[in-house]
């Protein structure tokens, strides 16, 4: 877990508006907090990062999964770049894609039910001999 201040500082560093040793102005901090909360709301709405409450203070503890910190930093940086009219670098764009992949793999769990037999019309339609037979009898425990 981290604080909004750390995420926003890193995001401003990504777009080269703030050096590591500089402190943010009050307006920059509020812009960053606003963009962070907007991004969290967007992710909650589409079901990627669910249930993270909006943050009101920069030093509050953000209750995000640890694997999503880089995702938040990179995406808030992109939102801030658009807000401040700064071009997004190739390395930042690559970081967005990389961290999006990590968060998607961590949060998306697809479970598709597979039948044990093939449906009629798939070559499994002989009424007397093949219908409703297990298609892979030698791998009974691994059947779909």
N, C-alpha and C. Protein backbone atom coordinates (compact mmCIF):
# COMPACT_ATOMS: atom_id res chain seq x y z
N UNK A 1 0.84 -1.17 0.00
CA UNK A 1 0.00 0.00 0.00
C UNK A 1 0.89 1.24 0.00
N UNK A 2 0.35 2.26 -0.54
CA UNK A 2 1.12 3.49 -0.70
C UNK A 2 0.21 4.67 -0.41
N UNK A 3 0.76 5.86 -0.59
CA UNK A 3 -0.02 7.08 -0.39
C UNK A 3 -0.25 7.75 -1.74
N UNK A 4 -1.31 8.53 -1.85
CA UNK A 4 -1.52 9.29 -3.08
C UNK A 4 -0.34 10.21 -3.40
N UNK A 5 0.31 10.74 -2.37
CA UNK A 5 1.46 11.63 -2.58
C UNK A 5 2.55 10.92 -3.38
N UNK A 6 2.86 9.68 -3.02
CA UNK A 6 3.90 8.94 -3.73
C UNK A 6 3.50 8.65 -5.17
N UNK A 7 2.25 8.27 -5.39
CA UNK A 7 1.77 8.00 -6.74
C UNK A 7 1.82 9.26 -7.59
N UNK A 8 1.37 10.38 -7.03
CA UNK A 8 1.34 11.64 -7.78
C UNK A 8 2.76 12.15 -8.04
N UNK A 9 3.64 12.05 -7.07
CA UNK A 9 5.04 12.45 -7.28
C UNK A 9 5.66 11.66 -8.43
N UNK A 10 5.45 10.36 -8.42
CA UNK A 10 6.00 9.51 -9.48
C UNK A 10 5.38 9.86 -10.83
N UNK A 11 4.08 10.11 -10.82
CA UNK A 11 3.39 10.46 -12.07
C UNK A 11 3.95 11.77 -12.65
N UNK A 12 4.16 12.77 -11.81
CA UNK A 12 4.74 14.02 -12.30
C UNK A 12 6.18 13.81 -12.77
N UNK A 13 6.90 12.90 -12.12
CA UNK A 13 8.24 12.58 -12.58
C UNK A 13 8.25 11.93 -13.95
N UNK A 14 7.25 11.07 -14.22
CA UNK A 14 7.14 10.41 -15.52
C UNK A 14 7.00 11.42 -16.65
N UNK A 15 6.27 12.50 -16.40
CA UNK A 15 6.04 13.47 -17.48
C UNK A 15 7.00 14.66 -17.39
N UNK A 16 8.01 14.54 -16.53
CA UNK A 16 9.11 15.52 -16.42
C UNK A 16 8.64 16.92 -16.08
N UNK A 17 7.61 17.01 -15.28
CA UNK A 17 7.19 18.32 -14.78
C UNK A 17 7.87 18.61 -13.45
N UNK A 18 8.21 17.56 -12.73
CA UNK A 18 8.83 17.72 -11.42
C UNK A 18 10.05 16.81 -11.32
N UNK A 19 11.14 17.36 -10.85
CA UNK A 19 12.31 16.53 -10.58
C UNK A 19 12.11 15.81 -9.25
N UNK A 20 12.88 14.78 -9.02
CA UNK A 20 12.71 13.94 -7.83
C UNK A 20 12.87 14.74 -6.54
N UNK A 21 13.76 15.72 -6.53
CA UNK A 21 14.01 16.46 -5.29
C UNK A 21 13.05 17.64 -5.08
N UNK A 22 12.26 17.98 -6.08
CA UNK A 22 11.33 19.10 -5.96
C UNK A 22 10.03 18.66 -5.30
N UNK A 23 9.40 19.61 -4.64
CA UNK A 23 8.07 19.34 -4.07
C UNK A 23 7.01 19.93 -4.98
N UNK A 24 5.87 19.32 -4.97
CA UNK A 24 4.76 19.80 -5.79
C UNK A 24 4.14 21.04 -5.18
N UNK A 25 3.63 21.91 -6.03
CA UNK A 25 2.86 23.05 -5.53
C UNK A 25 1.50 22.54 -5.10
N UNK A 26 0.77 23.34 -4.38
CA UNK A 26 -0.56 22.94 -3.93
C UNK A 26 -1.50 22.66 -5.10
N UNK A 27 -1.41 23.47 -6.14
CA UNK A 27 -2.28 23.28 -7.31
C UNK A 27 -1.93 21.98 -8.04
N UNK A 28 -0.63 21.69 -8.18
CA UNK A 28 -0.21 20.46 -8.84
C UNK A 28 -0.66 19.24 -8.03
N UNK A 29 -0.52 19.31 -6.73
CA UNK A 29 -0.94 18.20 -5.87
C UNK A 29 -2.44 17.95 -5.99
N UNK A 30 -3.21 19.03 -6.03
CA UNK A 30 -4.66 18.88 -6.16
C UNK A 30 -5.04 18.35 -7.54
N UNK A 31 -4.34 18.80 -8.57
CA UNK A 31 -4.58 18.26 -9.92
C UNK A 31 -4.29 16.77 -9.94
N UNK A 32 -3.18 16.37 -9.33
CA UNK A 32 -2.82 14.96 -9.28
C UNK A 32 -3.82 14.13 -8.49
N UNK A 33 -4.28 14.67 -7.38
CA UNK A 33 -5.27 13.96 -6.56
C UNK A 33 -6.59 13.81 -7.32
N UNK A 34 -6.97 14.86 -8.02
CA UNK A 34 -8.20 14.83 -8.82
C UNK A 34 -8.09 13.76 -9.93
N UNK A 35 -6.95 13.73 -10.63
CA UNK A 35 -6.76 12.75 -11.71
C UNK A 35 -6.69 11.33 -11.14
N UNK A 36 -6.06 11.17 -9.99
CA UNK A 36 -5.99 9.85 -9.35
C UNK A 36 -7.39 9.36 -8.99
N UNK A 37 -8.19 10.21 -8.37
CA UNK A 37 -9.55 9.81 -8.00
C UNK A 37 -10.41 9.52 -9.22
N UNK A 38 -10.24 10.31 -10.29
CA UNK A 38 -10.98 10.04 -11.52
C UNK A 38 -10.59 8.67 -12.09
N UNK A 39 -9.30 8.38 -12.10
CA UNK A 39 -8.84 7.11 -12.64
C UNK A 39 -9.34 5.94 -11.79
N UNK A 40 -9.31 6.09 -10.48
CA UNK A 40 -9.83 5.03 -9.61
C UNK A 40 -11.32 4.79 -9.86
N UNK A 41 -12.07 5.88 -10.05
CA UNK A 41 -13.50 5.74 -10.33
C UNK A 41 -13.74 5.03 -11.67
N UNK A 42 -12.93 5.37 -12.66
CA UNK A 42 -13.06 4.71 -13.97
C UNK A 42 -12.77 3.21 -13.85
N UNK A 43 -11.72 2.87 -13.13
CA UNK A 43 -11.35 1.46 -12.99
C UNK A 43 -12.38 0.69 -12.18
N UNK A 44 -12.96 1.34 -11.19
CA UNK A 44 -14.02 0.71 -10.40
C UNK A 44 -15.24 0.46 -11.28
N UNK A 45 -15.56 1.42 -12.14
CA UNK A 45 -16.74 1.29 -13.00
C UNK A 45 -16.62 0.14 -13.98
N UNK A 46 -15.42 -0.13 -14.48
CA UNK A 46 -15.27 -1.23 -15.44
C UNK A 46 -14.85 -2.53 -14.76
N UNK A 47 -14.71 -2.51 -13.44
CA UNK A 47 -14.46 -3.73 -12.68
C UNK A 47 -13.01 -4.17 -12.61
N UNK A 48 -12.07 -3.29 -12.90
CA UNK A 48 -10.67 -3.68 -12.84
C UNK A 48 -10.13 -3.55 -11.42
N UNK A 49 -10.17 -2.38 -10.86
CA UNK A 49 -9.77 -2.18 -9.45
C UNK A 49 -11.03 -1.80 -8.69
N UNK A 50 -11.61 -2.77 -8.05
CA UNK A 50 -12.91 -2.55 -7.41
C UNK A 50 -12.76 -2.11 -5.97
N UNK A 51 -13.65 -1.21 -5.56
CA UNK A 51 -13.80 -0.88 -4.16
C UNK A 51 -12.75 0.01 -3.54
N UNK A 52 -11.90 0.64 -4.33
CA UNK A 52 -10.92 1.57 -3.75
C UNK A 52 -11.62 2.91 -3.58
N UNK A 53 -11.70 3.35 -2.36
CA UNK A 53 -12.40 4.60 -2.05
C UNK A 53 -11.61 5.81 -2.55
N UNK A 54 -12.31 6.87 -2.97
CA UNK A 54 -11.61 8.10 -3.34
C UNK A 54 -10.81 8.64 -2.15
N UNK A 55 -9.68 9.25 -2.45
CA UNK A 55 -8.82 9.76 -1.40
C UNK A 55 -8.97 11.27 -1.31
N UNK A 56 -8.99 11.77 -0.08
CA UNK A 56 -9.16 13.21 0.13
C UNK A 56 -7.87 13.89 0.53
N UNK A 57 -6.94 13.15 1.09
CA UNK A 57 -5.69 13.73 1.57
C UNK A 57 -4.50 13.04 0.89
N UNK A 58 -3.46 13.81 0.66
CA UNK A 58 -2.27 13.28 -0.01
C UNK A 58 -1.52 12.26 0.84
N UNK A 59 -1.63 12.37 2.15
CA UNK A 59 -0.89 11.46 3.02
C UNK A 59 -1.73 10.29 3.53
N UNK A 60 -2.95 10.16 3.04
CA UNK A 60 -3.81 9.03 3.43
C UNK A 60 -3.25 7.75 2.83
N UNK A 61 -3.55 6.64 3.46
CA UNK A 61 -3.10 5.36 2.92
C UNK A 61 -4.11 4.87 1.89
N UNK A 62 -3.60 4.59 0.71
CA UNK A 62 -4.45 4.12 -0.38
C UNK A 62 -4.56 2.60 -0.28
N UNK A 63 -5.77 2.09 -0.26
CA UNK A 63 -6.00 0.66 -0.07
C UNK A 63 -6.05 -0.08 -1.40
N UNK A 64 -4.97 0.02 -2.17
CA UNK A 64 -4.90 -0.64 -3.46
C UNK A 64 -4.04 -1.89 -3.35
N UNK A 65 -4.28 -2.86 -4.22
CA UNK A 65 -3.39 -4.03 -4.23
C UNK A 65 -1.98 -3.61 -4.62
N UNK A 66 -0.99 -4.25 -4.05
CA UNK A 66 0.40 -3.87 -4.29
C UNK A 66 0.78 -3.95 -5.76
N UNK A 67 0.24 -4.93 -6.48
CA UNK A 67 0.58 -5.09 -7.89
C UNK A 67 0.07 -3.94 -8.76
N UNK A 68 -0.81 -3.11 -8.25
CA UNK A 68 -1.41 -2.05 -9.06
C UNK A 68 -0.74 -0.69 -8.90
N UNK A 69 0.28 -0.57 -8.07
CA UNK A 69 0.91 0.73 -7.83
C UNK A 69 1.50 1.31 -9.11
N UNK A 70 2.26 0.53 -9.83
CA UNK A 70 2.84 1.01 -11.09
C UNK A 70 1.78 1.36 -12.12
N UNK A 71 0.71 0.58 -12.13
CA UNK A 71 -0.43 0.83 -13.01
C UNK A 71 -1.04 2.20 -12.72
N UNK A 72 -1.23 2.48 -11.44
CA UNK A 72 -1.79 3.78 -11.05
C UNK A 72 -0.84 4.92 -11.41
N UNK A 73 0.43 4.75 -11.10
CA UNK A 73 1.41 5.81 -11.38
C UNK A 73 1.46 6.13 -12.87
N UNK A 74 1.57 5.11 -13.71
CA UNK A 74 1.71 5.34 -15.15
C UNK A 74 0.44 5.95 -15.74
N UNK A 75 -0.71 5.46 -15.33
CA UNK A 75 -1.95 5.97 -15.91
C UNK A 75 -2.30 7.37 -15.40
N UNK A 76 -1.99 7.65 -14.15
CA UNK A 76 -2.18 9.02 -13.65
C UNK A 76 -1.23 9.96 -14.38
N UNK A 77 -0.03 9.50 -14.68
CA UNK A 77 0.92 10.32 -15.45
C UNK A 77 0.36 10.65 -16.83
N UNK A 78 -0.27 9.69 -17.48
CA UNK A 78 -0.87 9.94 -18.80
C UNK A 78 -2.00 10.96 -18.68
N UNK A 79 -2.83 10.81 -17.66
CA UNK A 79 -3.93 11.77 -17.45
C UNK A 79 -3.39 13.17 -17.16
N UNK A 80 -2.32 13.24 -16.36
CA UNK A 80 -1.71 14.54 -16.06
C UNK A 80 -1.04 15.14 -17.30
N UNK A 81 -0.44 14.29 -18.12
CA UNK A 81 0.19 14.78 -19.35
C UNK A 81 -0.85 15.43 -20.25
N UNK A 82 -2.00 14.82 -20.37
CA UNK A 82 -3.08 15.41 -21.16
C UNK A 82 -3.56 16.71 -20.53
N UNK A 83 -3.66 16.72 -19.22
CA UNK A 83 -4.13 17.91 -18.50
C UNK A 83 -3.16 19.08 -18.66
N UNK A 84 -1.85 18.79 -18.63
CA UNK A 84 -0.83 19.84 -18.71
C UNK A 84 -0.30 20.05 -20.13
N UNK A 85 -0.83 19.32 -21.10
CA UNK A 85 -0.41 19.50 -22.49
C UNK A 85 0.99 19.01 -22.77
N UNK A 86 1.40 17.95 -22.08
CA UNK A 86 2.74 17.38 -22.25
C UNK A 86 2.60 16.11 -23.09
N UNK A 87 3.55 15.90 -24.00
CA UNK A 87 3.52 14.69 -24.82
C UNK A 87 3.96 13.48 -23.99
N UNK A 88 3.24 12.39 -24.16
CA UNK A 88 3.56 11.15 -23.45
C UNK A 88 4.75 10.48 -24.14
N UNK A 89 5.76 10.12 -23.37
CA UNK A 89 6.96 9.48 -23.93
C UNK A 89 6.66 8.03 -24.30
N UNK A 90 7.52 7.48 -25.14
CA UNK A 90 7.37 6.07 -25.53
C UNK A 90 7.55 5.15 -24.33
N UNK A 91 8.47 5.52 -23.44
CA UNK A 91 8.69 4.67 -22.27
C UNK A 91 7.49 4.67 -21.33
N UNK A 92 6.82 5.82 -21.20
CA UNK A 92 5.62 5.88 -20.38
C UNK A 92 4.49 5.08 -21.02
N UNK A 93 4.34 5.20 -22.33
CA UNK A 93 3.31 4.42 -23.03
C UNK A 93 3.56 2.92 -22.87
N UNK A 94 4.83 2.53 -22.96
CA UNK A 94 5.17 1.11 -22.78
C UNK A 94 4.88 0.66 -21.34
N UNK A 95 5.13 1.53 -20.39
CA UNK A 95 4.85 1.20 -18.98
C UNK A 95 3.35 1.04 -18.74
N UNK A 96 2.54 1.87 -19.39
CA UNK A 96 1.08 1.73 -19.27
C UNK A 96 0.65 0.37 -19.79
N UNK A 97 1.15 -0.02 -20.94
CA UNK A 97 0.78 -1.31 -21.52
C UNK A 97 1.26 -2.46 -20.63
N UNK A 98 2.50 -2.38 -20.15
CA UNK A 98 3.05 -3.44 -19.30
C UNK A 98 2.26 -3.61 -18.01
N UNK A 99 1.97 -2.49 -17.33
CA UNK A 99 1.26 -2.58 -16.06
C UNK A 99 -0.22 -2.93 -16.26
N UNK A 100 -0.80 -2.52 -17.39
CA UNK A 100 -2.18 -2.91 -17.69
C UNK A 100 -2.26 -4.43 -17.84
N UNK A 101 -1.26 -5.01 -18.47
CA UNK A 101 -1.22 -6.46 -18.64
C UNK A 101 -1.15 -7.17 -17.29
N UNK A 102 -0.34 -6.65 -16.39
CA UNK A 102 -0.20 -7.25 -15.06
C UNK A 102 -1.51 -7.18 -14.30
N UNK A 103 -2.13 -6.02 -14.29
CA UNK A 103 -3.38 -5.84 -13.54
C UNK A 103 -4.50 -6.67 -14.16
N UNK A 104 -4.54 -6.73 -15.48
CA UNK A 104 -5.58 -7.54 -16.13
C UNK A 104 -5.43 -9.00 -15.77
N UNK A 105 -4.20 -9.52 -15.83
CA UNK A 105 -3.98 -10.92 -15.46
C UNK A 105 -4.30 -11.19 -14.00
N UNK A 106 -4.07 -10.21 -13.15
CA UNK A 106 -4.31 -10.41 -11.73
C UNK A 106 -5.79 -10.31 -11.36
N UNK A 107 -6.56 -9.57 -12.14
CA UNK A 107 -7.94 -9.32 -11.74
C UNK A 107 -8.99 -10.02 -12.60
N UNK A 108 -8.62 -10.44 -13.80
CA UNK A 108 -9.59 -11.03 -14.70
C UNK A 108 -9.52 -12.55 -14.60
N UNK A 109 -10.60 -13.14 -14.18
CA UNK A 109 -10.67 -14.59 -14.03
C UNK A 109 -11.83 -15.11 -14.87
N UNK A 110 -11.50 -15.64 -16.03
CA UNK A 110 -12.53 -16.17 -16.92
C UNK A 110 -12.71 -17.65 -16.66
N UNK A 111 -13.93 -18.05 -16.50
CA UNK A 111 -14.25 -19.46 -16.35
C UNK A 111 -15.31 -19.79 -17.38
N UNK A 112 -14.93 -20.59 -18.33
CA UNK A 112 -15.87 -20.98 -19.38
C UNK A 112 -16.24 -22.44 -19.19
N UNK A 113 -17.53 -22.72 -19.11
CA UNK A 113 -17.92 -24.13 -18.96
C UNK A 113 -17.77 -24.86 -20.29
N UNK A 114 -17.14 -26.01 -20.25
CA UNK A 114 -16.99 -26.86 -21.43
C UNK A 114 -17.77 -28.14 -21.20
N UNK A 115 -18.46 -28.61 -22.22
CA UNK A 115 -19.22 -29.85 -22.07
C UNK A 115 -18.29 -31.07 -22.17
N UNK A 116 -18.77 -32.19 -21.64
CA UNK A 116 -17.99 -33.42 -21.74
C UNK A 116 -18.13 -34.05 -23.12
N UNK A 117 -19.20 -33.74 -23.82
CA UNK A 117 -19.40 -34.30 -25.15
C UNK A 117 -19.50 -33.17 -26.15
N UNK A 118 -19.29 -33.50 -27.40
CA UNK A 118 -19.43 -32.50 -28.44
C UNK A 118 -20.90 -32.34 -28.81
N UNK A 119 -21.28 -31.16 -29.22
CA UNK A 119 -22.69 -30.95 -29.57
C UNK A 119 -23.04 -31.63 -30.90
N UNK A 120 -24.32 -31.82 -31.12
CA UNK A 120 -24.78 -32.40 -32.38
C UNK A 120 -24.37 -31.45 -33.50
N UNK A 121 -23.91 -32.04 -34.59
CA UNK A 121 -23.46 -31.23 -35.70
C UNK A 121 -21.95 -31.13 -35.76
N UNK A 122 -21.25 -31.68 -34.79
CA UNK A 122 -19.79 -31.62 -34.78
C UNK A 122 -19.18 -32.96 -35.15
N UNK A 123 -19.96 -33.81 -35.79
CA UNK A 123 -19.48 -35.15 -36.13
C UNK A 123 -19.82 -36.15 -35.06
N UNK A 124 -20.54 -35.71 -34.05
CA UNK A 124 -20.91 -36.55 -32.92
C UNK A 124 -22.42 -36.76 -32.92
N UNK A 125 -23.00 -37.00 -34.11
CA UNK A 125 -24.45 -36.99 -34.19
C UNK A 125 -25.09 -38.33 -34.59
N UNK A 126 -24.35 -39.43 -34.52
CA UNK A 126 -24.94 -40.73 -34.79
C UNK A 126 -25.75 -41.12 -33.56
N UNK A 127 -27.03 -41.18 -33.71
CA UNK A 127 -27.93 -41.37 -32.57
C UNK A 127 -27.63 -42.63 -31.78
N UNK A 128 -27.28 -43.73 -32.45
CA UNK A 128 -27.16 -45.00 -31.76
C UNK A 128 -25.78 -45.23 -31.13
N UNK A 129 -24.76 -44.64 -31.66
CA UNK A 129 -23.44 -45.01 -31.17
C UNK A 129 -22.64 -43.87 -30.56
N UNK A 130 -22.75 -42.66 -31.02
CA UNK A 130 -21.83 -41.62 -30.58
C UNK A 130 -22.44 -40.50 -29.73
N UNK A 131 -23.72 -40.32 -29.78
CA UNK A 131 -24.31 -39.19 -29.07
C UNK A 131 -24.13 -39.35 -27.57
N UNK A 132 -23.68 -38.28 -26.93
CA UNK A 132 -23.49 -38.20 -25.49
C UNK A 132 -22.37 -39.09 -24.97
N UNK A 133 -21.49 -39.56 -25.83
CA UNK A 133 -20.31 -40.27 -25.37
C UNK A 133 -19.22 -39.27 -25.05
N UNK A 134 -18.37 -39.62 -24.11
CA UNK A 134 -17.24 -38.76 -23.79
C UNK A 134 -16.32 -38.72 -24.99
N UNK A 135 -15.96 -37.56 -25.43
CA UNK A 135 -15.19 -37.41 -26.65
C UNK A 135 -13.73 -37.85 -26.48
N UNK A 136 -13.16 -37.65 -25.30
CA UNK A 136 -11.79 -38.05 -25.04
C UNK A 136 -11.77 -39.10 -23.91
N UNK A 137 -12.17 -40.33 -24.18
CA UNK A 137 -12.29 -41.31 -23.10
C UNK A 137 -10.97 -41.65 -22.44
N UNK A 138 -9.84 -41.54 -23.16
CA UNK A 138 -8.55 -41.87 -22.56
C UNK A 138 -8.09 -40.80 -21.59
N UNK A 139 -8.69 -39.63 -21.61
CA UNK A 139 -8.32 -38.54 -20.69
C UNK A 139 -9.56 -38.12 -19.92
N UNK A 140 -10.19 -39.05 -19.29
CA UNK A 140 -11.46 -38.79 -18.65
C UNK A 140 -11.38 -37.68 -17.61
N UNK A 141 -10.29 -37.63 -16.83
CA UNK A 141 -10.19 -36.60 -15.78
C UNK A 141 -9.89 -35.23 -16.37
N UNK A 142 -9.41 -35.16 -17.63
CA UNK A 142 -9.09 -33.88 -18.24
C UNK A 142 -10.15 -33.44 -19.24
N UNK A 143 -11.30 -34.10 -19.25
CA UNK A 143 -12.33 -33.72 -20.20
C UNK A 143 -12.80 -32.30 -19.98
N UNK A 144 -13.20 -31.69 -21.04
CA UNK A 144 -13.73 -30.33 -20.95
C UNK A 144 -15.10 -30.34 -20.36
